[in-house]
Amino acid sequence: MKSILPAELQNILTTQPSATVIDVRTPVEFAEVHVPQARSVSLDELKPSLLQLPKDQPVYLLCRSGQRATKAAEKFAKEGFTQPVVVAGGTLAWIDANLPVTRGTTKVISLERQVRIAAGAIVFAGVLLARFVNPNFIWLSGFVGAGLVFAGITDFCGMGLLLAKLPWNK
């Protein structure tokens, strides 16, 4: 899987303004801040073959930090695209490099923070329910803990995918 630094992509966009840049964050994240030339196609709705892009041309992929872009690059590769390129560090690295961005008026809690809030709330609720209602509710906390371990090992977060489908992330 090829990756480049944000400054490298900026150089490419200077000489090739029509280069394909796809931001795979949720539409709300994209609306908050994005690379000006980027096109928004959220990871959960990404179907590379439907984008009508040449399979032998580079497709530059961005997300918040690089993880979702890596998953998107895998989708592109599986569908026969020969040059999916992940922008290392994603939009956060782009901003840190002081490169130009388009900022909207929308303020949003990142999907990663939403996952931490939801997981913490469920674990806390499970502990309280186990203490005050029925000890078997402790399994709710255990289930969430196991899910977090699974997400850490496999880099697949089911809770993140579910949260991305909620109305405030559209």
N, C-alpha and C. Protein backbone atom coordinates (compact mmCIF):
# COMPACT_ATOMS: atom_id res chain seq x y z
N MET A 1 0.85 -1.18 0.00
CA MET A 1 0.00 0.00 0.00
C MET A 1 0.89 1.24 0.00
N LYS A 2 0.73 2.07 -0.99
CA LYS A 2 1.55 3.27 -1.09
C LYS A 2 0.95 4.39 -0.24
N SER A 3 1.82 5.18 0.39
CA SER A 3 1.36 6.35 1.12
C SER A 3 2.29 7.52 0.83
N ILE A 4 1.75 8.71 0.97
CA ILE A 4 2.55 9.92 0.79
C ILE A 4 2.24 10.89 1.92
N LEU A 5 3.12 11.84 2.11
CA LEU A 5 2.92 12.88 3.12
C LEU A 5 2.01 13.96 2.55
N PRO A 6 1.32 14.69 3.42
CA PRO A 6 0.44 15.76 2.94
C PRO A 6 1.15 16.77 2.04
N ALA A 7 2.38 17.14 2.38
CA ALA A 7 3.11 18.11 1.55
C ALA A 7 3.34 17.58 0.14
N GLU A 8 3.55 16.27 0.02
CA GLU A 8 3.73 15.67 -1.31
C GLU A 8 2.44 15.78 -2.12
N LEU A 9 1.30 15.52 -1.46
CA LEU A 9 0.03 15.66 -2.17
C LEU A 9 -0.20 17.11 -2.57
N GLN A 10 0.14 18.04 -1.70
CA GLN A 10 -0.03 19.46 -2.05
C GLN A 10 0.80 19.80 -3.29
N ASN A 11 2.03 19.27 -3.38
CA ASN A 11 2.85 19.51 -4.57
C ASN A 11 2.21 18.92 -5.82
N ILE A 12 1.65 17.73 -5.68
CA ILE A 12 0.97 17.09 -6.81
C ILE A 12 -0.22 17.94 -7.25
N LEU A 13 -1.00 18.42 -6.28
CA LEU A 13 -2.19 19.22 -6.61
C LEU A 13 -1.82 20.56 -7.24
N THR A 14 -0.64 21.06 -6.94
CA THR A 14 -0.18 22.31 -7.55
C THR A 14 0.08 22.12 -9.04
N THR A 15 0.66 20.97 -9.39
CA THR A 15 0.97 20.71 -10.80
C THR A 15 -0.15 19.99 -11.53
N GLN A 16 -0.99 19.24 -10.78
CA GLN A 16 -2.10 18.50 -11.38
C GLN A 16 -3.38 18.78 -10.58
N PRO A 17 -3.98 19.95 -10.75
CA PRO A 17 -5.15 20.30 -9.95
C PRO A 17 -6.34 19.35 -10.11
N SER A 18 -6.35 18.57 -11.17
CA SER A 18 -7.48 17.65 -11.38
C SER A 18 -7.21 16.25 -10.80
N ALA A 19 -6.13 16.09 -10.05
CA ALA A 19 -5.85 14.79 -9.42
C ALA A 19 -7.03 14.40 -8.53
N THR A 20 -7.31 13.11 -8.46
CA THR A 20 -8.45 12.62 -7.69
C THR A 20 -8.08 12.47 -6.22
N VAL A 21 -8.76 13.24 -5.38
CA VAL A 21 -8.58 13.17 -3.92
C VAL A 21 -9.94 12.85 -3.32
N ILE A 22 -10.00 11.76 -2.57
CA ILE A 22 -11.26 11.34 -1.96
C ILE A 22 -11.08 11.31 -0.45
N ASP A 23 -11.98 11.99 0.25
CA ASP A 23 -12.00 12.03 1.71
C ASP A 23 -13.08 11.06 2.16
N VAL A 24 -12.69 10.02 2.91
CA VAL A 24 -13.63 8.96 3.28
C VAL A 24 -14.22 9.13 4.68
N ARG A 25 -14.08 10.31 5.25
CA ARG A 25 -14.71 10.58 6.55
C ARG A 25 -16.22 10.75 6.35
N THR A 26 -16.94 10.88 7.45
CA THR A 26 -18.38 11.09 7.34
C THR A 26 -18.64 12.47 6.73
N PRO A 27 -19.81 12.66 6.12
CA PRO A 27 -20.12 13.96 5.53
C PRO A 27 -20.03 15.13 6.53
N VAL A 28 -20.40 14.88 7.77
CA VAL A 28 -20.33 15.94 8.77
C VAL A 28 -18.88 16.30 9.08
N GLU A 29 -18.02 15.29 9.21
CA GLU A 29 -16.59 15.56 9.43
C GLU A 29 -16.03 16.35 8.25
N PHE A 30 -16.40 15.95 7.04
CA PHE A 30 -15.93 16.63 5.84
C PHE A 30 -16.40 18.08 5.83
N ALA A 31 -17.65 18.32 6.21
CA ALA A 31 -18.20 19.67 6.21
C ALA A 31 -17.47 20.58 7.19
N GLU A 32 -16.96 20.00 8.26
CA GLU A 32 -16.25 20.81 9.26
C GLU A 32 -14.94 21.35 8.70
N VAL A 33 -14.13 20.48 8.10
CA VAL A 33 -12.84 20.90 7.52
C VAL A 33 -12.40 19.84 6.52
N HIS A 34 -11.89 20.30 5.37
CA HIS A 34 -11.40 19.35 4.37
C HIS A 34 -10.39 20.00 3.43
N VAL A 35 -9.66 19.16 2.74
CA VAL A 35 -8.74 19.61 1.69
C VAL A 35 -9.61 20.18 0.56
N PRO A 36 -9.30 21.39 0.07
CA PRO A 36 -10.18 22.03 -0.91
C PRO A 36 -10.51 21.18 -2.14
N GLN A 37 -9.55 20.41 -2.66
CA GLN A 37 -9.80 19.63 -3.88
C GLN A 37 -10.46 18.28 -3.60
N ALA A 38 -10.65 17.94 -2.34
CA ALA A 38 -11.17 16.61 -2.00
C ALA A 38 -12.66 16.48 -2.29
N ARG A 39 -13.02 15.26 -2.59
CA ARG A 39 -14.42 14.88 -2.82
C ARG A 39 -14.83 13.99 -1.66
N SER A 40 -16.00 14.20 -1.12
CA SER A 40 -16.47 13.42 0.04
C SER A 40 -17.22 12.17 -0.40
N VAL A 41 -16.69 11.01 0.02
CA VAL A 41 -17.37 9.72 -0.17
C VAL A 41 -17.08 8.93 1.09
N SER A 42 -18.05 8.84 2.00
CA SER A 42 -17.79 8.18 3.28
C SER A 42 -17.44 6.71 3.08
N LEU A 43 -16.59 6.21 3.95
CA LEU A 43 -16.08 4.84 3.83
C LEU A 43 -17.21 3.82 3.77
N ASP A 44 -18.24 3.99 4.59
CA ASP A 44 -19.32 2.99 4.60
C ASP A 44 -20.15 3.00 3.32
N GLU A 45 -20.05 4.06 2.52
CA GLU A 45 -20.78 4.11 1.25
C GLU A 45 -19.87 3.97 0.03
N LEU A 46 -18.58 3.76 0.27
CA LEU A 46 -17.60 3.71 -0.81
C LEU A 46 -17.71 2.44 -1.63
N LYS A 47 -17.95 2.62 -2.93
CA LYS A 47 -17.93 1.54 -3.91
C LYS A 47 -17.09 2.05 -5.07
N PRO A 48 -15.79 1.75 -5.04
CA PRO A 48 -14.87 2.35 -6.02
C PRO A 48 -15.30 2.22 -7.47
N SER A 49 -15.85 1.08 -7.85
CA SER A 49 -16.21 0.89 -9.26
C SER A 49 -17.33 1.83 -9.71
N LEU A 50 -18.13 2.34 -8.78
CA LEU A 50 -19.22 3.24 -9.14
C LEU A 50 -18.76 4.69 -9.32
N LEU A 51 -17.51 4.98 -8.96
CA LEU A 51 -17.00 6.35 -9.05
C LEU A 51 -16.58 6.73 -10.46
N GLN A 52 -16.52 5.77 -11.35
CA GLN A 52 -16.15 6.00 -12.75
C GLN A 52 -14.80 6.71 -12.87
N LEU A 53 -13.81 6.14 -12.19
CA LEU A 53 -12.45 6.66 -12.24
C LEU A 53 -11.58 5.69 -13.02
N PRO A 54 -10.55 6.18 -13.71
CA PRO A 54 -9.63 5.28 -14.39
C PRO A 54 -8.88 4.41 -13.38
N LYS A 55 -8.82 3.12 -13.63
CA LYS A 55 -8.20 2.20 -12.68
C LYS A 55 -6.68 2.26 -12.67
N ASP A 56 -6.09 2.90 -13.68
CA ASP A 56 -4.63 2.96 -13.75
C ASP A 56 -4.06 4.31 -13.32
N GLN A 57 -4.91 5.19 -12.78
CA GLN A 57 -4.49 6.52 -12.33
C GLN A 57 -4.45 6.55 -10.80
N PRO A 58 -3.59 7.39 -10.21
CA PRO A 58 -3.56 7.49 -8.74
C PRO A 58 -4.88 8.04 -8.19
N VAL A 59 -5.29 7.47 -7.07
CA VAL A 59 -6.44 7.97 -6.31
C VAL A 59 -5.91 8.24 -4.91
N TYR A 60 -5.92 9.50 -4.50
CA TYR A 60 -5.38 9.90 -3.21
C TYR A 60 -6.50 9.86 -2.18
N LEU A 61 -6.25 9.14 -1.07
CA LEU A 61 -7.29 8.88 -0.09
C LEU A 61 -6.94 9.50 1.26
N LEU A 62 -7.91 10.21 1.79
CA LEU A 62 -7.76 10.91 3.07
C LEU A 62 -8.86 10.50 4.04
N CYS A 63 -8.55 10.54 5.32
CA CYS A 63 -9.56 10.45 6.37
C CYS A 63 -9.09 11.36 7.49
N ARG A 64 -9.42 11.05 8.70
CA ARG A 64 -8.99 11.91 9.81
C ARG A 64 -7.52 11.70 10.11
N SER A 65 -7.12 10.42 10.29
CA SER A 65 -5.75 10.14 10.70
C SER A 65 -5.03 9.11 9.82
N GLY A 66 -5.75 8.44 8.94
CA GLY A 66 -5.14 7.48 8.03
C GLY A 66 -5.71 6.08 8.07
N GLN A 67 -6.42 5.72 9.14
CA GLN A 67 -6.93 4.35 9.26
C GLN A 67 -8.05 4.05 8.27
N ARG A 68 -9.04 4.93 8.18
CA ARG A 68 -10.14 4.69 7.24
C ARG A 68 -9.65 4.79 5.80
N ALA A 69 -8.68 5.67 5.55
CA ALA A 69 -8.13 5.78 4.19
C ALA A 69 -7.42 4.49 3.79
N THR A 70 -6.78 3.84 4.74
CA THR A 70 -6.13 2.55 4.46
C THR A 70 -7.17 1.50 4.09
N LYS A 71 -8.28 1.49 4.81
CA LYS A 71 -9.38 0.55 4.47
C LYS A 71 -9.94 0.87 3.09
N ALA A 72 -10.06 2.16 2.77
CA ALA A 72 -10.54 2.56 1.45
C ALA A 72 -9.58 2.11 0.37
N ALA A 73 -8.27 2.25 0.61
CA ALA A 73 -7.27 1.82 -0.37
C ALA A 73 -7.38 0.32 -0.62
N GLU A 74 -7.66 -0.44 0.42
CA GLU A 74 -7.86 -1.88 0.25
C GLU A 74 -9.06 -2.16 -0.63
N LYS A 75 -10.15 -1.39 -0.45
CA LYS A 75 -11.33 -1.56 -1.30
C LYS A 75 -10.98 -1.25 -2.76
N PHE A 76 -10.23 -0.17 -2.99
CA PHE A 76 -9.83 0.18 -4.35
C PHE A 76 -8.98 -0.93 -4.96
N ALA A 77 -8.02 -1.42 -4.20
CA ALA A 77 -7.13 -2.48 -4.71
C ALA A 77 -7.93 -3.74 -5.06
N LYS A 78 -8.89 -4.12 -4.22
CA LYS A 78 -9.71 -5.30 -4.48
C LYS A 78 -10.52 -5.16 -5.76
N GLU A 79 -10.84 -3.92 -6.14
CA GLU A 79 -11.64 -3.70 -7.35
C GLU A 79 -10.77 -3.40 -8.56
N GLY A 80 -9.47 -3.67 -8.45
CA GLY A 80 -8.59 -3.58 -9.61
C GLY A 80 -7.91 -2.24 -9.84
N PHE A 81 -8.04 -1.30 -8.91
CA PHE A 81 -7.33 -0.03 -9.05
C PHE A 81 -5.87 -0.26 -8.72
N THR A 82 -4.98 0.22 -9.57
CA THR A 82 -3.56 -0.09 -9.41
C THR A 82 -2.79 0.92 -8.58
N GLN A 83 -3.38 2.11 -8.35
CA GLN A 83 -2.63 3.14 -7.63
C GLN A 83 -3.42 3.85 -6.54
N PRO A 84 -4.01 3.12 -5.59
CA PRO A 84 -4.60 3.82 -4.45
C PRO A 84 -3.46 4.32 -3.55
N VAL A 85 -3.54 5.58 -3.13
CA VAL A 85 -2.47 6.18 -2.34
C VAL A 85 -3.08 6.80 -1.08
N VAL A 86 -2.60 6.37 0.08
CA VAL A 86 -3.08 6.89 1.36
C VAL A 86 -2.26 8.11 1.74
N VAL A 87 -2.93 9.17 2.13
CA VAL A 87 -2.24 10.36 2.62
C VAL A 87 -1.95 10.12 4.10
N ALA A 88 -0.68 9.93 4.42
CA ALA A 88 -0.25 9.57 5.78
C ALA A 88 -0.68 10.63 6.78
N GLY A 89 -1.30 10.19 7.85
CA GLY A 89 -1.72 11.11 8.90
C GLY A 89 -3.04 11.81 8.63
N GLY A 90 -3.56 11.66 7.42
CA GLY A 90 -4.87 12.19 7.07
C GLY A 90 -5.01 13.70 7.19
N THR A 91 -6.25 14.11 7.42
CA THR A 91 -6.56 15.53 7.50
C THR A 91 -5.86 16.20 8.68
N LEU A 92 -5.69 15.47 9.77
CA LEU A 92 -4.99 16.04 10.92
C LEU A 92 -3.55 16.42 10.55
N ALA A 93 -2.87 15.54 9.83
CA ALA A 93 -1.49 15.84 9.40
C ALA A 93 -1.48 16.97 8.38
N TRP A 94 -2.50 17.02 7.52
CA TRP A 94 -2.61 18.10 6.54
C TRP A 94 -2.71 19.45 7.27
N ILE A 95 -3.56 19.50 8.28
CA ILE A 95 -3.73 20.73 9.07
C ILE A 95 -2.44 21.06 9.82
N ASP A 96 -1.82 20.05 10.43
CA ASP A 96 -0.56 20.26 11.17
C ASP A 96 0.54 20.80 10.26
N ALA A 97 0.49 20.46 8.98
CA ALA A 97 1.49 20.94 8.02
C ALA A 97 1.15 22.34 7.51
N ASN A 98 0.10 22.95 8.06
CA ASN A 98 -0.34 24.30 7.66
C ASN A 98 -0.67 24.41 6.17
N LEU A 99 -1.25 23.35 5.63
CA LEU A 99 -1.67 23.36 4.23
C LEU A 99 -3.09 23.90 4.14
N PRO A 100 -3.50 24.40 2.98
CA PRO A 100 -4.82 25.04 2.88
C PRO A 100 -5.97 24.06 3.10
N VAL A 101 -6.98 24.53 3.81
CA VAL A 101 -8.19 23.75 4.06
C VAL A 101 -9.41 24.62 3.83
N THR A 102 -10.53 23.97 3.62
CA THR A 102 -11.82 24.65 3.56
C THR A 102 -12.52 24.32 4.87
N ARG A 103 -12.90 25.36 5.59
CA ARG A 103 -13.58 25.16 6.88
C ARG A 103 -15.03 25.57 6.76
N GLY A 104 -15.89 24.71 7.29
CA GLY A 104 -17.31 25.04 7.33
C GLY A 104 -17.66 25.61 8.69
N THR A 105 -18.93 25.86 8.91
CA THR A 105 -19.37 26.39 10.19
C THR A 105 -19.79 25.27 11.14
N THR A 106 -19.83 24.04 10.64
CA THR A 106 -20.24 22.90 11.43
C THR A 106 -19.15 22.50 12.41
N LYS A 107 -19.53 22.29 13.66
CA LYS A 107 -18.62 21.74 14.65
C LYS A 107 -19.15 20.36 15.00
N VAL A 108 -18.27 19.36 14.99
CA VAL A 108 -18.71 17.99 15.19
C VAL A 108 -17.73 17.27 16.11
N ILE A 109 -18.26 16.32 16.84
CA ILE A 109 -17.40 15.45 17.63
C ILE A 109 -16.92 14.35 16.69
N SER A 110 -15.62 14.14 16.63
CA SER A 110 -15.08 13.14 15.70
C SER A 110 -15.66 11.76 16.00
N LEU A 111 -15.68 10.92 14.99
CA LEU A 111 -16.20 9.56 15.13
C LEU A 111 -15.43 8.80 16.21
N GLU A 112 -14.13 8.99 16.25
CA GLU A 112 -13.30 8.32 17.27
C GLU A 112 -13.75 8.71 18.68
N ARG A 113 -13.99 9.99 18.90
CA ARG A 113 -14.46 10.44 20.22
C ARG A 113 -15.86 9.93 20.50
N GLN A 114 -16.71 9.85 19.48
CA GLN A 114 -18.06 9.32 19.68
C GLN A 114 -18.00 7.86 20.15
N VAL A 115 -17.07 7.09 19.57
CA VAL A 115 -16.90 5.69 19.98
C VAL A 115 -16.47 5.62 21.45
N ARG A 116 -15.52 6.45 21.84
CA ARG A 116 -15.05 6.44 23.24
C ARG A 116 -16.18 6.83 24.19
N ILE A 117 -16.97 7.83 23.81
CA ILE A 117 -18.09 8.26 24.66
C ILE A 117 -19.12 7.13 24.78
N ALA A 118 -19.50 6.54 23.66
CA ALA A 118 -20.51 5.47 23.68
C ALA A 118 -20.01 4.26 24.46
N ALA A 119 -18.77 3.84 24.21
CA ALA A 119 -18.23 2.67 24.92
C ALA A 119 -18.16 2.94 26.42
N GLY A 120 -17.68 4.11 26.79
CA GLY A 120 -17.60 4.45 28.21
C GLY A 120 -18.96 4.49 28.86
N ALA A 121 -19.95 5.05 28.18
CA ALA A 121 -21.30 5.12 28.73
C ALA A 121 -21.90 3.73 28.92
N ILE A 122 -21.69 2.86 27.95
CA ILE A 122 -22.24 1.50 28.06
C ILE A 122 -21.55 0.73 29.19
N VAL A 123 -20.24 0.85 29.31
CA VAL A 123 -19.52 0.17 30.40
C VAL A 123 -20.01 0.69 31.75
N PHE A 124 -20.11 2.01 31.88
CA PHE A 124 -20.57 2.61 33.13
C PHE A 124 -21.98 2.15 33.47
N ALA A 125 -22.87 2.15 32.46
CA ALA A 125 -24.25 1.70 32.68
C ALA A 125 -24.26 0.23 33.10
N GLY A 126 -23.42 -0.60 32.47
CA GLY A 126 -23.36 -2.01 32.83
C GLY A 126 -22.93 -2.22 34.27
N VAL A 127 -21.95 -1.45 34.73
CA VAL A 127 -21.49 -1.56 36.12
C VAL A 127 -22.60 -1.14 37.08
N LEU A 128 -23.27 -0.01 36.78
CA LEU A 128 -24.36 0.45 37.65
C LEU A 128 -25.52 -0.56 37.68
N LEU A 129 -25.89 -1.06 36.50
CA LEU A 129 -26.98 -2.04 36.44
C LEU A 129 -26.60 -3.32 37.18
N ALA A 130 -25.35 -3.74 37.07
CA ALA A 130 -24.91 -4.95 37.77
C ALA A 130 -24.95 -4.74 39.28
N ARG A 131 -24.62 -3.56 39.71
CA ARG A 131 -24.60 -3.27 41.15
C ARG A 131 -26.00 -3.13 41.72
N PHE A 132 -26.88 -2.43 41.01
CA PHE A 132 -28.18 -2.07 41.59
C PHE A 132 -29.37 -2.86 41.06
N VAL A 133 -29.23 -3.57 39.94
CA VAL A 133 -30.38 -4.27 39.37
C VAL A 133 -30.15 -5.78 39.37
N ASN A 134 -29.13 -6.23 38.64
CA ASN A 134 -28.88 -7.67 38.53
C ASN A 134 -27.40 -7.86 38.21
N PRO A 135 -26.70 -8.72 38.94
CA PRO A 135 -25.26 -8.91 38.71
C PRO A 135 -24.91 -9.37 37.29
N ASN A 136 -25.85 -9.96 36.58
CA ASN A 136 -25.58 -10.42 35.22
C ASN A 136 -25.34 -9.27 34.23
N PHE A 137 -25.73 -8.06 34.59
CA PHE A 137 -25.47 -6.91 33.71
C PHE A 137 -23.97 -6.62 33.56
N ILE A 138 -23.16 -7.22 34.42
CA ILE A 138 -21.70 -7.02 34.29
C ILE A 138 -21.22 -7.53 32.94
N TRP A 139 -21.97 -8.48 32.35
CA TRP A 139 -21.59 -9.01 31.03
C TRP A 139 -21.70 -7.95 29.94
N LEU A 140 -22.54 -6.96 30.13
CA LEU A 140 -22.65 -5.85 29.18
C LEU A 140 -21.30 -5.11 29.11
N SER A 141 -20.75 -4.81 30.28
CA SER A 141 -19.44 -4.15 30.33
C SER A 141 -18.36 -5.04 29.74
N GLY A 142 -18.43 -6.34 30.06
CA GLY A 142 -17.45 -7.28 29.51
C GLY A 142 -17.53 -7.37 27.99
N PHE A 143 -18.73 -7.32 27.45
CA PHE A 143 -18.93 -7.38 25.99
C PHE A 143 -18.29 -6.17 25.32
N VAL A 144 -18.52 -4.99 25.89
CA VAL A 144 -17.94 -3.77 25.31
C VAL A 144 -16.41 -3.82 25.41
N GLY A 145 -15.90 -4.27 26.56
CA GLY A 145 -14.45 -4.40 26.71
C GLY A 145 -13.86 -5.35 25.69
N ALA A 146 -14.52 -6.48 25.46
CA ALA A 146 -14.05 -7.44 24.46
C ALA A 146 -14.10 -6.82 23.06
N GLY A 147 -15.14 -6.04 22.79
CA GLY A 147 -15.25 -5.36 21.50
C GLY A 147 -14.12 -4.37 21.28
N LEU A 148 -13.73 -3.66 22.34
CA LEU A 148 -12.63 -2.71 22.22
C LEU A 148 -11.30 -3.42 21.98
N VAL A 149 -11.10 -4.55 22.64
CA VAL A 149 -9.88 -5.34 22.40
C VAL A 149 -9.87 -5.84 20.96
N PHE A 150 -11.01 -6.36 20.50
CA PHE A 150 -11.12 -6.82 19.11
C PHE A 150 -10.81 -5.70 18.13
N ALA A 151 -11.38 -4.51 18.38
CA ALA A 151 -11.14 -3.36 17.51
C ALA A 151 -9.66 -2.98 17.49
N GLY A 152 -9.02 -3.05 18.65
CA GLY A 152 -7.60 -2.72 18.72
C GLY A 152 -6.73 -3.70 17.96
N ILE A 153 -7.08 -4.98 18.03
CA ILE A 153 -6.28 -6.02 17.36
C ILE A 153 -6.52 -6.03 15.86
N THR A 154 -7.78 -5.92 15.45
CA THR A 154 -8.12 -6.08 14.02
C THR A 154 -8.22 -4.76 13.27
N ASP A 155 -8.28 -3.65 13.99
CA ASP A 155 -8.49 -2.33 13.38
C ASP A 155 -9.86 -2.25 12.70
N PHE A 156 -10.81 -3.04 13.18
CA PHE A 156 -12.20 -3.00 12.71
C PHE A 156 -13.08 -2.63 13.90
N CYS A 157 -13.80 -1.53 13.79
CA CYS A 157 -14.63 -1.08 14.91
C CYS A 157 -16.09 -1.05 14.48
N GLY A 158 -16.81 -2.08 14.89
CA GLY A 158 -18.23 -2.17 14.56
C GLY A 158 -19.02 -1.01 15.14
N MET A 159 -18.67 -0.58 16.35
CA MET A 159 -19.38 0.54 16.95
C MET A 159 -19.18 1.81 16.12
N GLY A 160 -17.98 2.00 15.62
CA GLY A 160 -17.70 3.16 14.77
C GLY A 160 -18.53 3.13 13.49
N LEU A 161 -18.65 1.95 12.90
CA LEU A 161 -19.46 1.82 11.69
C LEU A 161 -20.93 2.12 11.97
N LEU A 162 -21.43 1.65 13.13
CA LEU A 162 -22.82 1.94 13.49
C LEU A 162 -23.02 3.43 13.76
N LEU A 163 -22.10 4.03 14.50
CA LEU A 163 -22.23 5.46 14.81
C LEU A 163 -22.16 6.32 13.55
N ALA A 164 -21.37 5.88 12.57
CA ALA A 164 -21.25 6.65 11.32
C ALA A 164 -22.57 6.72 10.57
N LYS A 165 -23.48 5.77 10.82
CA LYS A 165 -24.76 5.75 10.13
C LYS A 165 -25.84 6.60 10.82
N LEU A 166 -25.52 7.12 12.00
CA LEU A 166 -26.51 7.93 12.73
C LEU A 166 -26.73 9.27 12.04
N PRO A 167 -27.92 9.85 12.21
CA PRO A 167 -28.28 11.07 11.46
C PRO A 167 -27.31 12.24 11.63
N TRP A 168 -26.76 12.43 12.82
CA TRP A 168 -25.88 13.58 13.01
C TRP A 168 -24.52 13.40 12.33
N ASN A 169 -24.23 12.21 11.83
CA ASN A 169 -22.99 11.97 11.10
C ASN A 169 -23.20 11.96 9.58
N LYS A 170 -24.39 12.28 9.14
CA LYS A 170 -24.70 12.29 7.71
C LYS A 170 -24.56 13.69 7.14
